[in-house]
Amino acid sequence: MTHKDVWAAIDKLAKKNKISCSKLAILSGLDATTFNKSKRYSVFGKPRWPSMHSISKILEATSTTPTEFANFIENKDYPIE
């Protein structure tokens, strides 16, 4: 599992629900900018990982199981393209 895989899974979850990542954050009770692409790396290029709290919130808001989310990480069930 890589940084890129986890962020791609969040993008897939938003796409599956036909919403933007900003809308996904809002529906989850998070700041609208939580999942912005610009926040995925620090200004020094260091990867920023989403918190478990944020992931838990988006799973609850979209009625997604941890297994379903793990499948997104593994690219099994929902292509990003």
PDB file of N, CA and C in Angstrom:
ATOM      1  N   MET A   1       0.856  -1.171   0.000  1.00  0.00           N
ATOM      2  CA  MET A   1       0.000   0.000   0.000  1.00  0.00           C
ATOM      3  C   MET A   1       0.900   1.232   0.000  1.00  0.00           C
ATOM      4  N   THR A   2       0.626   2.128  -0.921  1.00  0.00           N
ATOM      5  CA  THR A   2       1.421   3.344  -1.025  1.00  0.00           C
ATOM      6  C   THR A   2       0.559   4.579  -0.758  1.00  0.00           C
ATOM      7  N   HIS A   3       1.232   5.676  -0.568  1.00  0.00           N
ATOM      8  CA  HIS A   3       0.579   6.971  -0.406  1.00  0.00           C
ATOM      9  C   HIS A   3      -0.346   7.232  -1.593  1.00  0.00           C
ATOM     10  N   LYS A   4       0.162   7.008  -2.780  1.00  0.00           N
ATOM     11  CA  LYS A   4      -0.620   7.226  -4.001  1.00  0.00           C
ATOM     12  C   LYS A   4      -1.857   6.329  -4.034  1.00  0.00           C
ATOM     13  N   ASP A   5      -1.714   5.070  -3.607  1.00  0.00           N
ATOM     14  CA  ASP A   5      -2.843   4.125  -3.606  1.00  0.00           C
ATOM     15  C   ASP A   5      -3.969   4.586  -2.673  1.00  0.00           C
ATOM     16  N   VAL A   6      -3.610   5.080  -1.506  1.00  0.00           N
ATOM     17  CA  VAL A   6      -4.625   5.514  -0.534  1.00  0.00           C
ATOM     18  C   VAL A   6      -5.372   6.737  -1.056  1.00  0.00           C
ATOM     19  N   TRP A   7      -4.640   7.707  -1.602  1.00  0.00           N
ATOM     20  CA  TRP A   7      -5.302   8.887  -2.149  1.00  0.00           C
ATOM     21  C   TRP A   7      -6.151   8.529  -3.357  1.00  0.00           C
ATOM     22  N   ALA A   8      -5.678   7.588  -4.185  1.00  0.00           N
ATOM     23  CA  ALA A   8      -6.480   7.147  -5.340  1.00  0.00           C
ATOM     24  C   ALA A   8      -7.772   6.494  -4.853  1.00  0.00           C
ATOM     25  N   ALA A   9      -7.710   5.758  -3.755  1.00  0.00           N
ATOM     26  CA  ALA A   9      -8.909   5.118  -3.199  1.00  0.00           C
ATOM     27  C   ALA A   9      -9.928   6.174  -2.755  1.00  0.00           C
ATOM     28  N   ILE A  10      -9.456   7.261  -2.180  1.00  0.00           N
ATOM     29  CA  ILE A  10     -10.359   8.351  -1.793  1.00  0.00           C
ATOM     30  C   ILE A  10     -10.993   8.968  -3.037  1.00  0.00           C
ATOM     31  N   ASP A  11     -10.201   9.165  -4.065  1.00  0.00           N
ATOM     32  CA  ASP A  11     -10.732   9.687  -5.329  1.00  0.00           C
ATOM     33  C   ASP A  11     -11.781   8.741  -5.911  1.00  0.00           C
ATOM     34  N   LYS A  12     -11.519   7.445  -5.849  1.00  0.00           N
ATOM     35  CA  LYS A  12     -12.471   6.448  -6.363  1.00  0.00           C
ATOM     36  C   LYS A  12     -13.773   6.450  -5.567  1.00  0.00           C
ATOM     37  N   LEU A  13     -13.654   6.588  -4.257  1.00  0.00           N
ATOM     38  CA  LEU A  13     -14.837   6.621  -3.413  1.00  0.00           C
ATOM     39  C   LEU A  13     -15.714   7.825  -3.773  1.00  0.00           C
ATOM     40  N   ALA A  14     -15.090   8.959  -3.979  1.00  0.00           N
ATOM     41  CA  ALA A  14     -15.845  10.145  -4.393  1.00  0.00           C
ATOM     42  C   ALA A  14     -16.499   9.906  -5.752  1.00  0.00           C
ATOM     43  N   LYS A  15     -15.727   9.370  -6.680  1.00  0.00           N
ATOM     44  CA  LYS A  15     -16.260   9.116  -8.024  1.00  0.00           C
ATOM     45  C   LYS A  15     -17.420   8.123  -7.979  1.00  0.00           C
ATOM     46  N   LYS A  16     -17.281   7.071  -7.184  1.00  0.00           N
ATOM     47  CA  LYS A  16     -18.346   6.079  -7.066  1.00  0.00           C
ATOM     48  C   LYS A  16     -19.637   6.725  -6.582  1.00  0.00           C
ATOM     49  N   ASN A  17     -19.509   7.705  -5.709  1.00  0.00           N
ATOM     50  CA  ASN A  17     -20.671   8.394  -5.148  1.00  0.00           C
ATOM     51  C   ASN A  17     -21.081   9.620  -5.972  1.00  0.00           C
ATOM     52  N   LYS A  18     -20.417   9.795  -7.114  1.00  0.00           N
ATOM     53  CA  LYS A  18     -20.734  10.874  -8.063  1.00  0.00           C
ATOM     54  C   LYS A  18     -20.634  12.260  -7.427  1.00  0.00           C
ATOM     55  N   ILE A  19     -19.575  12.421  -6.625  1.00  0.00           N
ATOM     56  CA  ILE A  19     -19.313  13.708  -5.983  1.00  0.00           C
ATOM     57  C   ILE A  19     -17.829  14.025  -6.074  1.00  0.00           C
ATOM     58  N   SER A  20     -17.505  15.265  -5.839  1.00  0.00           N
ATOM     59  CA  SER A  20     -16.095  15.674  -5.808  1.00  0.00           C
ATOM     60  C   SER A  20     -15.485  15.294  -4.459  1.00  0.00           C
ATOM     61  N   CYS A  21     -14.173  15.356  -4.394  1.00  0.00           N
ATOM     62  CA  CYS A  21     -13.509  15.110  -3.108  1.00  0.00           C
ATOM     63  C   CYS A  21     -13.888  16.172  -2.090  1.00  0.00           C
ATOM     64  N   SER A  22     -14.117  17.394  -2.541  1.00  0.00           N
ATOM     65  CA  SER A  22     -14.550  18.463  -1.634  1.00  0.00           C
ATOM     66  C   SER A  22     -15.921  18.159  -1.056  1.00  0.00           C
ATOM     67  N   LYS A  23     -16.824  17.709  -1.904  1.00  0.00           N
ATOM     68  CA  LYS A  23     -18.172  17.355  -1.435  1.00  0.00           C
ATOM     69  C   LYS A  23     -18.096  16.151  -0.492  1.00  0.00           C
ATOM     70  N   LEU A  24     -17.230  15.197  -0.793  1.00  0.00           N
ATOM     71  CA  LEU A  24     -17.045  14.039   0.088  1.00  0.00           C
ATOM     72  C   LEU A  24     -16.611  14.495   1.476  1.00  0.00           C
ATOM     73  N   ALA A  25     -15.680  15.424   1.523  1.00  0.00           N
ATOM     74  CA  ALA A  25     -15.219  15.948   2.812  1.00  0.00           C
ATOM     75  C   ALA A  25     -16.366  16.635   3.560  1.00  0.00           C
ATOM     76  N   ILE A  26     -17.118  17.464   2.865  1.00  0.00           N
ATOM     77  CA  ILE A  26     -18.228  18.190   3.495  1.00  0.00           C
ATOM     78  C   ILE A  26     -19.278  17.220   4.034  1.00  0.00           C
ATOM     79  N   LEU A  27     -19.656  16.224   3.224  1.00  0.00           N
ATOM     80  CA  LEU A  27     -20.647  15.238   3.664  1.00  0.00           C
ATOM     81  C   LEU A  27     -20.171  14.442   4.884  1.00  0.00           C
ATOM     82  N   SER A  28     -18.856  14.368   5.028  1.00  0.00           N
ATOM     83  CA  SER A  28     -18.262  13.617   6.135  1.00  0.00           C
ATOM     84  C   SER A  28     -18.032  14.478   7.368  1.00  0.00           C
ATOM     85  N   GLY A  29     -18.404  15.751   7.282  1.00  0.00           N
ATOM     86  CA  GLY A  29     -18.217  16.648   8.416  1.00  0.00           C
ATOM     87  C   GLY A  29     -16.808  17.193   8.527  1.00  0.00           C
ATOM     88  N   LEU A  30     -16.067  17.147   7.420  1.00  0.00           N
ATOM     89  CA  LEU A  30     -14.690  17.631   7.400  1.00  0.00           C
ATOM     90  C   LEU A  30     -14.623  18.939   6.624  1.00  0.00           C
ATOM     91  N   ASP A  31     -13.522  19.628   6.744  1.00  0.00           N
ATOM     92  CA  ASP A  31     -13.302  20.839   5.964  1.00  0.00           C
ATOM     93  C   ASP A  31     -13.291  20.484   4.475  1.00  0.00           C
ATOM     94  N   ALA A  32     -13.856  21.342   3.662  1.00  0.00           N
ATOM     95  CA  ALA A  32     -13.977  21.084   2.224  1.00  0.00           C
ATOM     96  C   ALA A  32     -12.628  20.864   1.539  1.00  0.00           C
ATOM     97  N   THR A  33     -11.563  21.382   2.117  1.00  0.00           N
ATOM     98  CA  THR A  33     -10.237  21.266   1.487  1.00  0.00           C
ATOM     99  C   THR A  33      -9.439  20.055   1.964  1.00  0.00           C
ATOM    100  N   THR A  34     -10.017  19.252   2.822  1.00  0.00           N
ATOM    101  CA  THR A  34      -9.300  18.123   3.423  1.00  0.00           C
ATOM    102  C   THR A  34      -8.639  17.217   2.400  1.00  0.00           C
ATOM    103  N   PHE A  35      -9.326  16.945   1.290  1.00  0.00           N
ATOM    104  CA  PHE A  35      -8.809  15.991   0.309  1.00  0.00           C
ATOM    105  C   PHE A  35      -8.288  16.645  -0.961  1.00  0.00           C
ATOM    106  N   ASN A  36      -8.050  17.959  -0.920  1.00  0.00           N
ATOM    107  CA  ASN A  36      -7.513  18.641  -2.097  1.00  0.00           C
ATOM    108  C   ASN A  36      -6.173  18.035  -2.507  1.00  0.00           C
ATOM    109  N   LYS A  37      -5.956  17.981  -3.805  1.00  0.00           N
ATOM    110  CA  LYS A  37      -4.691  17.440  -4.320  1.00  0.00           C
ATOM    111  C   LYS A  37      -3.502  18.258  -3.811  1.00  0.00           C
ATOM    112  N   SER A  38      -3.698  19.538  -3.606  1.00  0.00           N
ATOM    113  CA  SER A  38      -2.603  20.394  -3.128  1.00  0.00           C
ATOM    114  C   SER A  38      -2.193  20.080  -1.696  1.00  0.00           C
ATOM    115  N   LYS A  39      -3.033  19.375  -0.962  1.00  0.00           N
ATOM    116  CA  LYS A  39      -2.722  19.052   0.435  1.00  0.00           C
ATOM    117  C   LYS A  39      -2.136  17.653   0.600  1.00  0.00           C
ATOM    118  N   ARG A  40      -1.905  16.962  -0.484  1.00  0.00           N
ATOM    119  CA  ARG A  40      -1.424  15.582  -0.416  1.00  0.00           C
ATOM    120  C   ARG A  40       0.092  15.499  -0.234  1.00  0.00           C
ATOM    121  N   TYR A  41       0.750  16.632  -0.412  1.00  0.00           N
ATOM    122  CA  TYR A  41       2.199  16.731  -0.198  1.00  0.00           C
ATOM    123  C   TYR A  41       2.482  18.041   0.519  1.00  0.00           C
ATOM    124  N   SER A  42       3.498  18.043   1.361  1.00  0.00           N
ATOM    125  CA  SER A  42       3.905  19.277   2.030  1.00  0.00           C
ATOM    126  C   SER A  42       4.588  20.186   1.014  1.00  0.00           C
ATOM    127  N   VAL A  43       4.859  21.417   1.404  1.00  0.00           N
ATOM    128  CA  VAL A  43       5.560  22.342   0.515  1.00  0.00           C
ATOM    129  C   VAL A  43       6.965  21.850   0.182  1.00  0.00           C
ATOM    130  N   PHE A  44       7.465  20.930   0.990  1.00  0.00           N
ATOM    131  CA  PHE A  44       8.789  20.360   0.756  1.00  0.00           C
ATOM    132  C   PHE A  44       8.718  19.042  -0.004  1.00  0.00           C
ATOM    133  N   GLY A  45       7.519  18.654  -0.432  1.00  0.00           N
ATOM    134  CA  GLY A  45       7.350  17.436  -1.218  1.00  0.00           C
ATOM    135  C   GLY A  45       7.177  16.163  -0.414  1.00  0.00           C
ATOM    136  N   LYS A  46       7.076  16.292   0.900  1.00  0.00           N
ATOM    137  CA  LYS A  46       6.886  15.120   1.754  1.00  0.00           C
ATOM    138  C   LYS A  46       5.421  14.679   1.683  1.00  0.00           C
ATOM    139  N   PRO A  47       5.177  13.380   1.462  1.00  0.00           N
ATOM    140  CA  PRO A  47       3.787  12.911   1.382  1.00  0.00           C
ATOM    141  C   PRO A  47       3.024  13.142   2.683  1.00  0.00           C
ATOM    142  N   ARG A  48       1.800  13.609   2.547  1.00  0.00           N
ATOM    143  CA  ARG A  48       0.887  13.733   3.686  1.00  0.00           C
ATOM    144  C   ARG A  48      -0.171  12.650   3.521  1.00  0.00           C
ATOM    145  N   TRP A  49      -0.293  11.825   4.520  1.00  0.00           N
ATOM    146  CA  TRP A  49      -1.264  10.740   4.494  1.00  0.00           C
ATOM    147  C   TRP A  49      -2.572  11.199   5.136  1.00  0.00           C
ATOM    148  N   PRO A  50      -3.704  10.737   4.626  1.00  0.00           N
ATOM    149  CA  PRO A  50      -4.973  11.068   5.289  1.00  0.00           C
ATOM    150  C   PRO A  50      -5.024  10.376   6.654  1.00  0.00           C
ATOM    151  N   SER A  51      -5.653  11.008   7.600  1.00  0.00           N
ATOM    152  CA  SER A  51      -5.740  10.412   8.932  1.00  0.00           C
ATOM    153  C   SER A  51      -6.777   9.295   8.953  1.00  0.00           C
ATOM    154  N   MET A  52      -6.644   8.410   9.903  1.00  0.00           N
ATOM    155  CA  MET A  52      -7.649   7.355  10.080  1.00  0.00           C
ATOM    156  C   MET A  52      -8.991   7.970  10.444  1.00  0.00           C
ATOM    157  N   HIS A  53      -8.965   9.076  11.164  1.00  0.00           N
ATOM    158  CA  HIS A  53     -10.195   9.771  11.506  1.00  0.00           C
ATOM    159  C   HIS A  53     -10.930  10.208  10.233  1.00  0.00           C
ATOM    160  N   SER A  54     -10.209  10.803   9.301  1.00  0.00           N
ATOM    161  CA  SER A  54     -10.812  11.244   8.040  1.00  0.00           C
ATOM    162  C   SER A  54     -11.342  10.063   7.234  1.00  0.00           C
ATOM    163  N   ILE A  55     -10.570   9.004   7.173  1.00  0.00           N
ATOM    164  CA  ILE A  55     -11.009   7.818   6.434  1.00  0.00           C
ATOM    165  C   ILE A  55     -12.255   7.228   7.079  1.00  0.00           C
ATOM    166  N   SER A  56     -12.267   7.145   8.393  1.00  0.00           N
ATOM    167  CA  SER A  56     -13.437   6.632   9.100  1.00  0.00           C
ATOM    168  C   SER A  56     -14.676   7.464   8.789  1.00  0.00           C
ATOM    169  N   LYS A  57     -14.514   8.776   8.775  1.00  0.00           N
ATOM    170  CA  LYS A  57     -15.641   9.678   8.496  1.00  0.00           C
ATOM    171  C   LYS A  57     -16.193   9.477   7.088  1.00  0.00           C
ATOM    172  N   ILE A  58     -15.303   9.322   6.083  1.00  0.00           N
ATOM    173  CA  ILE A  58     -15.801   9.164   4.709  1.00  0.00           C
ATOM    174  C   ILE A  58     -16.451   7.801   4.509  1.00  0.00           C
ATOM    175  N   LEU A  59     -15.949   6.792   5.215  1.00  0.00           N
ATOM    176  CA  LEU A  59     -16.574   5.469   5.116  1.00  0.00           C
ATOM    177  C   LEU A  59     -17.979   5.514   5.705  1.00  0.00           C
ATOM    178  N   GLU A  60     -18.111   6.152   6.843  1.00  0.00           N
ATOM    179  CA  GLU A  60     -19.429   6.260   7.480  1.00  0.00           C
ATOM    180  C   GLU A  60     -20.397   7.073   6.613  1.00  0.00           C
ATOM    181  N   ALA A  61     -19.924   8.189   6.082  1.00  0.00           N
ATOM    182  CA  ALA A  61     -20.796   9.068   5.288  1.00  0.00           C
ATOM    183  C   ALA A  61     -21.274   8.420   3.995  1.00  0.00           C
ATOM    184  N   THR A  62     -20.489   7.490   3.462  1.00  0.00           N
ATOM    185  CA  THR A  62     -20.841   6.853   2.189  1.00  0.00           C
ATOM    186  C   THR A  62     -21.302   5.408   2.357  1.00  0.00           C
ATOM    187  N   SER A  63     -21.465   4.982   3.592  1.00  0.00           N
ATOM    188  CA  SER A  63     -21.857   3.590   3.886  1.00  0.00           C
ATOM    189  C   SER A  63     -20.942   2.587   3.180  1.00  0.00           C
ATOM    190  N   THR A  64     -19.655   2.860   3.255  1.00  0.00           N
ATOM    191  CA  THR A  64     -18.639   2.008   2.651  1.00  0.00           C
ATOM    192  C   THR A  64     -17.964   1.199   3.746  1.00  0.00           C
ATOM    193  N   THR A  65     -17.782  -0.085   3.510  1.00  0.00           N
ATOM    194  CA  THR A  65     -17.100  -0.919   4.500  1.00  0.00           C
ATOM    195  C   THR A  65     -15.582  -0.753   4.362  1.00  0.00           C
ATOM    196  N   PRO A  66     -14.862  -1.042   5.425  1.00  0.00           N
ATOM    197  CA  PRO A  66     -13.403  -1.021   5.315  1.00  0.00           C
ATOM    198  C   PRO A  66     -12.885  -1.968   4.224  1.00  0.00           C
ATOM    199  N   THR A  67     -13.555  -3.094   4.045  1.00  0.00           N
ATOM    200  CA  THR A  67     -13.150  -4.042   3.000  1.00  0.00           C
ATOM    201  C   THR A  67     -13.321  -3.437   1.616  1.00  0.00           C
ATOM    202  N   GLU A  68     -14.442  -2.751   1.402  1.00  0.00           N
ATOM    203  CA  GLU A  68     -14.661  -2.082   0.113  1.00  0.00           C
ATOM    204  C   GLU A  68     -13.577  -1.037  -0.138  1.00  0.00           C
ATOM    205  N   PHE A  69     -13.247  -0.268   0.888  1.00  0.00           N
ATOM    206  CA  PHE A  69     -12.207   0.746   0.746  1.00  0.00           C
ATOM    207  C   PHE A  69     -10.863   0.091   0.460  1.00  0.00           C
ATOM    208  N   ALA A  70     -10.577  -1.008   1.141  1.00  0.00           N
ATOM    209  CA  ALA A  70      -9.326  -1.736   0.887  1.00  0.00           C
ATOM    210  C   ALA A  70      -9.268  -2.225  -0.559  1.00  0.00           C
ATOM    211  N   ASN A  71     -10.408  -2.638  -1.094  1.00  0.00           N
ATOM    212  CA  ASN A  71     -10.438  -3.060  -2.494  1.00  0.00           C
ATOM    213  C   ASN A  71     -10.137  -1.890  -3.430  1.00  0.00           C
ATOM    214  N   PHE A  72     -10.579  -0.693  -3.070  1.00  0.00           N
ATOM    215  CA  PHE A  72     -10.222   0.483  -3.863  1.00  0.00           C
ATOM    216  C   PHE A  72      -8.710   0.704  -3.827  1.00  0.00           C
ATOM    217  N   ILE A  73      -8.124   0.524  -2.660  1.00  0.00           N
ATOM    218  CA  ILE A  73      -6.671   0.681  -2.537  1.00  0.00           C
ATOM    219  C   ILE A  73      -5.953  -0.330  -3.422  1.00  0.00           C
ATOM    220  N   GLU A  74      -6.473  -1.528  -3.472  1.00  0.00           N
ATOM    221  CA  GLU A  74      -5.866  -2.595  -4.273  1.00  0.00           C
ATOM    222  C   GLU A  74      -6.297  -2.540  -5.742  1.00  0.00           C
ATOM    223  N   ASN A  75      -7.095  -1.529  -6.098  1.00  0.00           N
ATOM    224  CA  ASN A  75      -7.565  -1.350  -7.484  1.00  0.00           C
ATOM    225  C   ASN A  75      -8.405  -2.517  -7.987  1.00  0.00           C
ATOM    226  N   LYS A  76      -9.179  -3.131  -7.126  1.00  0.00           N
ATOM    227  CA  LYS A  76      -9.930  -4.322  -7.521  1.00  0.00           C
ATOM    228  C   LYS A  76     -11.321  -4.037  -8.055  1.00  0.00           C
ATOM    229  N   ASP A  77     -12.036  -3.115  -7.464  1.00  0.00           N
ATOM    230  CA  ASP A  77     -13.456  -3.002  -7.765  1.00  0.00           C
ATOM    231  C   ASP A  77     -13.899  -1.762  -8.535  1.00  0.00           C
ATOM    232  N   TYR A  78     -13.096  -0.773  -8.600  1.00  0.00           N
ATOM    233  CA  TYR A  78     -13.570   0.463  -9.223  1.00  0.00           C
ATOM    234  C   TYR A  78     -12.402   1.214  -9.843  1.00  0.00           C
ATOM    235  N   PRO A  79     -12.300   1.181 -11.152  1.00  0.00           N
ATOM    236  CA  PRO A  79     -11.186   1.908 -11.778  1.00  0.00           C
ATOM    237  C   PRO A  79     -11.373   3.420 -11.668  1.00  0.00           C
ATOM    238  N   ILE A  80     -10.288   4.145 -11.545  1.00  0.00           N
ATOM    239  CA  ILE A  80     -10.335   5.598 -11.442  1.00  0.00           C
ATOM    240  C   ILE A  80     -10.618   6.230 -12.794  1.00  0.00           C
ATOM    241  N   GLU A  81     -10.209   5.613 -13.856  1.00  0.00           N
ATOM    242  CA  GLU A  81     -10.414   6.167 -15.195  1.00  0.00           C
ATOM    243  C   GLU A  81     -11.841   6.069 -15.617  1.00  0.00           C
TER     244      GLU A  81
END
